[in-house]
Protein backbone atom coordinates (compact mmCIF):
# COMPACT_ATOMS: atom_id res chain seq x y z
CA MET A 1 -23.80 28.96 -6.13
CA THR A 2 -24.12 32.19 -4.12
CA ASN A 3 -21.32 33.72 -2.10
CA SER A 4 -23.35 33.14 1.06
CA VAL A 5 -22.57 29.42 0.78
CA PRO A 6 -19.22 28.69 2.49
CA ALA A 7 -16.47 27.39 0.28
CA LEU A 8 -15.75 24.92 3.09
CA ALA A 9 -18.00 24.11 6.05
CA VAL A 10 -16.69 21.85 8.82
CA ARG A 11 -19.33 20.98 11.43
CA ASN A 12 -18.50 19.20 14.72
CA VAL A 13 -16.13 16.79 12.99
CA ALA A 14 -14.68 14.01 15.11
CA LYS A 15 -12.45 11.11 14.13
CA GLN A 16 -11.84 8.15 16.41
CA TYR A 17 -9.51 5.48 15.07
CA ARG A 18 -10.30 1.92 16.12
CA ASN A 19 -8.08 0.98 19.07
CA GLY A 20 -6.28 4.27 18.51
CA PRO A 21 -6.31 7.95 19.37
CA ARG A 22 -9.11 10.45 18.87
CA ALA A 23 -7.54 12.48 16.07
CA LEU A 24 -10.31 15.11 15.84
CA ASP A 25 -12.67 16.22 18.58
CA GLY A 26 -15.56 18.48 17.56
CA VAL A 27 -13.79 20.62 14.96
CA SER A 28 -15.99 23.37 13.47
CA PHE A 29 -15.26 26.34 11.21
CA ASP A 30 -16.34 27.90 7.92
CA VAL A 31 -14.16 29.24 5.12
CA ALA A 32 -15.86 31.89 3.00
CA GLN A 33 -15.63 31.92 -0.77
CA GLY A 34 -12.55 33.83 -1.89
CA GLU A 35 -10.74 33.58 1.46
CA PHE A 36 -7.06 32.77 1.91
CA PHE A 37 -7.33 30.65 5.04
CA GLY A 38 -4.63 29.07 7.19
CA LEU A 39 -5.03 25.72 8.98
CA LEU A 40 -2.11 25.47 11.39
CA GLY A 41 -0.99 23.25 14.22
CA PRO A 42 1.92 21.16 15.48
CA ASN A 43 2.55 17.61 14.30
CA GLY A 44 -0.22 15.35 15.55
CA ALA A 45 -2.77 18.15 15.79
CA GLY A 46 -5.13 16.48 13.31
CA LYS A 47 -4.53 18.56 10.17
CA THR A 48 -3.79 15.63 7.87
CA THR A 49 -6.77 13.68 9.17
CA LEU A 50 -9.06 16.66 8.58
CA ILE A 51 -7.72 17.18 5.04
CA SER A 52 -8.28 13.48 4.32
CA ILE A 53 -11.89 13.80 5.45
CA ILE A 54 -12.42 16.93 3.34
CA ALA A 55 -10.92 15.18 0.30
CA GLY A 56 -13.09 12.08 0.80
CA LEU A 57 -10.14 9.82 1.62
CA ALA A 58 -11.37 9.15 5.18
CA ARG A 59 -14.73 9.12 6.93
CA ALA A 60 -15.48 11.23 9.98
CA SER A 61 -16.72 9.37 13.05
CA ALA A 62 -19.15 12.25 13.65
CA GLY A 63 -20.06 15.58 12.10
CA ASN A 64 -20.05 16.56 8.45
CA VAL A 65 -18.07 18.50 5.86
CA SER A 66 -19.26 20.26 2.72
CA VAL A 67 -17.36 21.87 -0.16
CA MET A 68 -19.23 24.65 -1.95
CA GLY A 69 -22.43 23.36 -0.35
CA HIS A 70 -21.88 19.72 -1.38
CA ASP A 71 -21.59 17.17 1.42
CA VAL A 72 -18.42 15.12 0.94
CA VAL A 73 -20.27 11.90 1.85
CA ALA A 74 -23.71 12.48 0.31
CA GLU A 75 -22.40 14.19 -2.85
CA PRO A 76 -18.81 13.00 -3.22
CA ALA A 77 -18.46 13.61 -6.96
CA LEU A 78 -19.70 17.19 -6.77
CA ALA A 79 -17.60 17.90 -3.67
CA ARG A 80 -14.44 16.62 -5.36
CA MET A 81 -15.19 18.48 -8.58
CA ASN A 82 -15.08 21.70 -6.54
CA LEU A 83 -11.88 20.82 -4.71
CA GLY A 84 -8.20 20.59 -5.61
CA VAL A 85 -5.71 19.17 -3.10
CA VAL A 86 -1.93 19.49 -3.25
CA PRO A 87 -0.67 16.66 -1.01
CA GLN A 88 2.38 16.90 1.17
CA GLU A 89 3.85 13.66 -0.20
CA LEU A 90 5.40 13.46 -3.67
CA VAL A 91 3.09 11.09 -5.53
CA PHE A 92 3.51 10.61 -9.28
CA ASP A 93 3.13 8.08 -12.09
CA PRO A 94 6.59 7.35 -13.54
CA PHE A 95 5.29 6.21 -16.92
CA PHE A 96 3.88 9.50 -18.25
CA THR A 97 5.10 12.91 -19.29
CA VAL A 98 4.03 16.05 -17.44
CA ARG A 99 1.42 16.94 -20.07
CA GLU A 100 0.06 13.39 -20.15
CA THR A 101 -0.21 13.42 -16.36
CA LEU A 102 -2.27 16.60 -16.43
CA SER A 103 -4.45 15.34 -19.27
CA PHE A 104 -5.22 12.09 -17.44
CA THR A 105 -5.94 13.96 -14.21
CA ARG A 106 -8.36 16.23 -16.08
CA GLY A 107 -10.06 13.14 -17.51
CA TYR A 108 -10.79 11.81 -14.03
CA TYR A 109 -13.24 14.70 -13.72
CA GLY A 110 -14.89 13.97 -17.04
CA LEU A 111 -13.19 16.88 -18.78
CA GLY A 112 -11.53 16.83 -22.17
CA ALA A 113 -9.11 18.76 -24.34
CA ARG A 114 -11.87 20.93 -25.83
CA ASP A 115 -13.54 21.86 -22.57
CA PRO A 116 -14.11 25.67 -22.69
CA ARG A 117 -12.68 26.23 -19.20
CA CYS A 118 -10.29 23.35 -18.60
CA GLY A 119 -9.08 22.42 -22.08
CA ASP A 120 -5.55 22.36 -23.43
CA ASP A 121 -5.32 26.15 -23.30
CA TRP A 122 -5.80 26.01 -19.51
CA ILE A 123 -3.16 23.29 -19.18
CA ASP A 124 -0.76 25.48 -21.17
CA GLU A 125 -1.52 28.42 -18.87
CA VAL A 126 -0.94 26.35 -15.73
CA LEU A 127 2.34 25.00 -17.13
CA HIS A 128 3.46 28.52 -18.00
CA ASN A 129 2.60 30.01 -14.61
CA LEU A 130 4.41 27.21 -12.77
CA ASP A 131 7.47 27.43 -15.08
CA LEU A 132 6.83 23.92 -16.39
CA SER A 133 6.38 24.70 -20.08
CA ASP A 134 9.85 23.46 -21.00
CA LYS A 135 9.20 20.25 -19.05
CA ALA A 136 5.78 19.52 -20.59
CA ASN A 137 7.06 16.54 -22.59
CA ALA A 138 9.54 15.30 -20.00
CA ASN A 139 8.90 12.02 -18.21
CA MET A 140 7.94 12.44 -14.56
CA ARG A 141 10.86 10.23 -13.51
CA ALA A 142 13.31 12.74 -14.99
CA LEU A 143 12.10 15.66 -12.86
CA SER A 144 13.73 16.97 -9.71
CA GLY A 145 11.82 16.94 -6.44
CA GLY A 146 10.95 20.61 -6.81
CA MET A 147 9.65 20.08 -10.35
CA LYS A 148 7.55 17.11 -9.21
CA ARG A 149 5.98 19.33 -6.56
CA ARG A 150 5.08 21.89 -9.23
CA VAL A 151 3.32 19.13 -11.14
CA LEU A 152 1.33 18.23 -8.01
CA VAL A 153 0.16 21.83 -7.86
CA ALA A 154 -0.74 21.72 -11.55
CA GLN A 155 -2.73 18.49 -11.04
CA ALA A 156 -4.75 20.13 -8.27
CA LEU A 157 -5.57 23.05 -10.57
CA VAL A 158 -6.16 21.23 -13.85
CA HIS A 159 -9.96 20.95 -13.40
CA ARG A 160 -10.11 24.58 -12.28
CA PRO A 161 -11.67 24.02 -8.85
CA PRO A 162 -13.01 26.97 -6.83
CA VAL A 163 -11.38 25.61 -3.64
CA ILE A 164 -7.71 24.61 -3.30
CA ILE A 165 -6.03 22.95 -0.31
CA LEU A 166 -2.24 23.33 -0.15
CA ASP A 167 -0.71 20.87 2.31
CA GLU A 168 2.88 21.97 3.00
CA PRO A 169 3.30 23.12 -0.63
CA THR A 170 6.79 24.58 -0.18
CA ALA A 171 8.31 21.94 2.11
CA GLY A 172 11.84 21.20 0.99
CA VAL A 173 11.75 23.33 -2.16
CA ASP A 174 13.95 26.16 -3.34
CA VAL A 175 13.33 29.90 -3.22
CA GLU A 176 12.55 30.07 -6.94
CA LEU A 177 9.68 27.60 -6.64
CA ARG A 178 8.28 29.38 -3.60
CA HIS A 179 8.23 32.67 -5.46
CA THR A 180 6.69 31.14 -8.59
CA LEU A 181 4.08 29.19 -6.64
CA TRP A 182 2.94 32.05 -4.42
CA LYS A 183 2.75 34.46 -7.31
CA PHE A 184 0.36 32.14 -9.18
CA ILE A 185 -1.68 31.14 -6.10
CA ALA A 186 -2.05 34.80 -5.07
CA ARG A 187 -3.33 35.59 -8.55
CA LEU A 188 -5.89 32.77 -8.42
CA ASN A 189 -7.03 34.01 -5.02
CA ARG A 190 -7.48 37.55 -6.35
CA GLU A 191 -9.62 36.06 -9.11
CA GLY A 192 -11.91 34.47 -6.53
CA CYS A 193 -10.38 31.08 -5.80
CA THR A 194 -10.54 29.98 -2.15
CA VAL A 195 -7.17 28.84 -0.79
CA ILE A 196 -6.68 26.77 2.36
CA LEU A 197 -3.05 26.48 3.46
CA THR A 198 -1.36 24.19 5.95
CA THR A 199 2.30 24.93 6.54
CA HIS A 200 5.06 24.96 9.14
CA TYR A 201 6.54 28.03 7.41
CA LEU A 202 4.59 30.43 9.59
CA GLU A 203 5.92 33.50 7.81
CA GLU A 204 4.06 32.30 4.70
CA ALA A 205 0.82 31.93 6.62
CA GLN A 206 1.27 35.36 8.18
CA GLN A 207 1.91 36.96 4.80
CA TYR A 208 -0.91 35.36 2.81
CA CYS A 209 -3.66 34.17 5.16
CA GLY A 210 -6.35 36.64 6.14
CA ARG A 211 -7.79 34.28 8.74
CA ILE A 212 -6.35 31.34 10.64
CA ALA A 213 -7.55 28.30 12.58
CA MET A 214 -5.08 26.62 14.92
CA LEU A 215 -5.49 23.00 15.96
CA LYS A 216 -4.08 21.27 19.01
CA LEU A 217 -4.77 17.64 19.88
CA GLY A 218 -7.70 17.54 17.50
CA ARG A 219 -9.42 20.69 18.73
CA VAL A 220 -9.59 24.27 17.45
CA VAL A 221 -7.73 26.46 19.96
CA ALA A 222 -7.89 29.68 17.91
CA LEU A 223 -9.98 30.95 15.02
CA ASP A 224 -9.65 34.59 14.03
CA ARG A 225 -8.25 37.08 11.58
CA THR A 226 -4.46 36.92 11.43
CA GLN A 227 -3.95 40.52 12.55
CA ALA A 228 -6.39 40.06 15.44
CA LEU A 229 -4.44 37.02 16.65
CA LEU A 230 -1.20 38.97 16.46
CA ARG A 231 -2.65 41.87 18.44
CA ARG A 232 -4.33 39.76 21.09
CA GLN A 233 -1.95 36.84 21.63
CA ALA A 234 1.55 38.21 21.08
CA ALA A 235 3.35 41.25 22.41
CA THR A 236 6.16 43.33 20.98
CA ARG A 237 9.34 42.67 22.96
CA LEU A 238 12.40 44.67 23.91
CA VAL A 239 15.40 42.38 23.34
CA PHE A 240 18.82 43.37 24.70
CA ARG A 241 22.20 42.08 25.84
CA LEU A 242 23.87 43.26 29.00
CA GLY A 243 27.60 43.93 28.96
CA GLY A 244 30.36 44.77 31.39
CA GLU A 245 30.37 43.21 34.84
CA LEU A 246 27.70 40.56 35.29
CA ALA A 247 24.92 42.11 37.28
CA ALA A 248 21.41 41.14 38.20
CA LEU A 249 18.27 42.76 36.88
CA PRO A 250 16.12 44.78 39.22
CA ALA A 251 13.44 42.54 40.69
CA ASP A 252 10.55 44.35 38.99
CA LEU A 253 12.10 43.77 35.55
CA ALA A 254 13.33 40.24 36.26
CA ALA A 255 9.79 39.12 37.09
CA GLY A 256 8.75 39.67 33.47
CA ALA A 257 12.06 38.95 31.73
CA GLU A 258 12.82 35.96 29.52
CA ALA A 259 16.32 34.62 29.01
CA LEU A 260 16.80 33.77 25.33
CA PRO A 261 19.03 30.90 24.11
CA ASP A 262 21.57 33.35 22.63
CA GLY A 263 22.18 34.98 26.02
CA ARG A 264 20.00 38.03 25.45
CA LEU A 265 17.06 39.07 27.58
CA ALA A 266 13.55 39.98 26.48
CA LEU A 267 10.93 42.18 28.10
CA ALA A 268 7.34 42.80 27.00
CA ALA A 269 7.00 46.23 25.40
CA THR A 270 3.31 47.05 25.27
CA ASP A 271 3.85 50.69 24.31
CA ALA A 272 6.44 53.49 24.16
CA GLY A 273 5.97 54.23 27.85
CA ALA A 274 6.85 50.66 28.83
CA ILE A 275 10.01 50.80 26.72
CA GLU A 276 11.09 54.12 28.25
CA SER A 277 10.42 52.83 31.75
CA ALA A 278 12.44 49.64 31.21
CA LEU A 279 15.43 51.52 29.82
CA ARG A 280 15.32 53.99 32.72
CA ARG A 281 15.30 51.16 35.29
CA LEU A 282 18.28 49.52 33.58
CA ARG A 283 20.23 52.79 33.68
CA GLU A 284 19.30 53.38 37.31
CA ALA A 285 20.58 49.90 38.16
CA GLY A 286 23.93 50.76 36.58
CA LEU A 287 23.61 48.08 33.88
CA GLN A 288 25.37 48.45 30.54
CA ILE A 289 23.45 47.51 27.37
CA ASP A 290 25.65 46.19 24.56
CA ASP A 291 22.91 45.84 21.94
CA ILE A 292 19.20 46.34 21.80
CA GLU A 293 16.32 45.78 19.35
CA LEU A 294 12.56 46.04 19.29
CA ARG A 295 11.16 42.70 18.09
CA HIS A 296 7.61 42.85 16.80
CA ALA A 297 5.27 39.95 17.42
CA ASP A 298 4.88 37.39 14.66
CA LEU A 299 2.77 34.32 14.03
CA GLU A 300 5.40 32.03 15.53
CA ASP A 301 4.91 33.77 18.88
CA VAL A 302 1.15 33.22 18.62
CA PHE A 303 1.66 29.59 17.57
CA LEU A 304 3.91 28.80 20.52
CA ARG A 305 1.62 30.54 22.98
CA LEU A 306 -1.55 28.77 21.81
CA THR A 307 -0.24 25.30 21.03
CA GLY A 308 2.39 25.04 23.74
CA ASP A 309 4.75 23.55 21.16
CA ALA A 310 7.64 25.57 22.56
CA PRO A 311 11.35 24.94 23.24
CA GLU A 312 12.56 23.88 26.66
CA PRO A 313 12.03 26.60 29.28
CA ALA A 314 14.87 29.06 29.57
CA ALA A 315 16.94 29.36 32.71
CA PRO A 316 15.53 31.70 35.36
CA VAL A 317 16.84 35.24 35.48
CA ALA A 318 18.79 36.31 38.55
CA THR A 319 17.26 39.04 40.69
CA VAL A 320 18.34 41.49 43.33
CA GLY A 321 16.44 42.88 46.21
């Protein structure tokens, strides 16, 4: 398989549930081999439906999906052999140990203990890198929620797929697991594994994902490199709190000001000149600034702007003149 073949190709995918909503509406994007790709969106955007279609658990009403060049409908076995999915829900068999669970999962793909790539040595390596070695012979029922989630990750990796989908992999888990998981996943990505991440922890997506697709109501509303989205969709802001006697902002500043829930105000700060100008106007108006900070744009700002999944509008800012 050449690198020119996308790791994941989604072409005009639609999903219409009978007597229900249209969950996906013409979704298209490619994920290149070796990418760390983010698939983001608010609840109800269609992410879970799309992942189910990619994994072969649901059928698209229109369009097609391929994994490493293999159509998920026409070549389901080959598509699934090339794909590992870490589900959001904790699903486990309570009758087996951790090692038995991984061995059985490997067997579903026709692989055995002596397989040169996915044999027992690989299981040992996965257990070690996910800090599960000391739990290898523990029954799944005896594990904590965080440990069970590590096993889900291990199950997705046990057949050594070139493409991994992580669906909310760190939801409800502790800092230690997050660090362990991301260290291992980042290593696999450096070694050429394609990683597709869905998460509501947007700081994780911003840190790891080189490119991002955002869904809203079943449609792609943004598809670009992470840094390009940050530059184009979100602005650095000057955040400050006024002190002393309550006074109104000058009209030219109030027009672009946002009142934050904590009582502070925010102004767009496109460059150093804009910051200097805003501070000068505040001084000229006789306003006292108690505290001030320059808040750089992050992925949450982009997410709220593009999806509209924002808090209630803030109260309007008073003006003079």
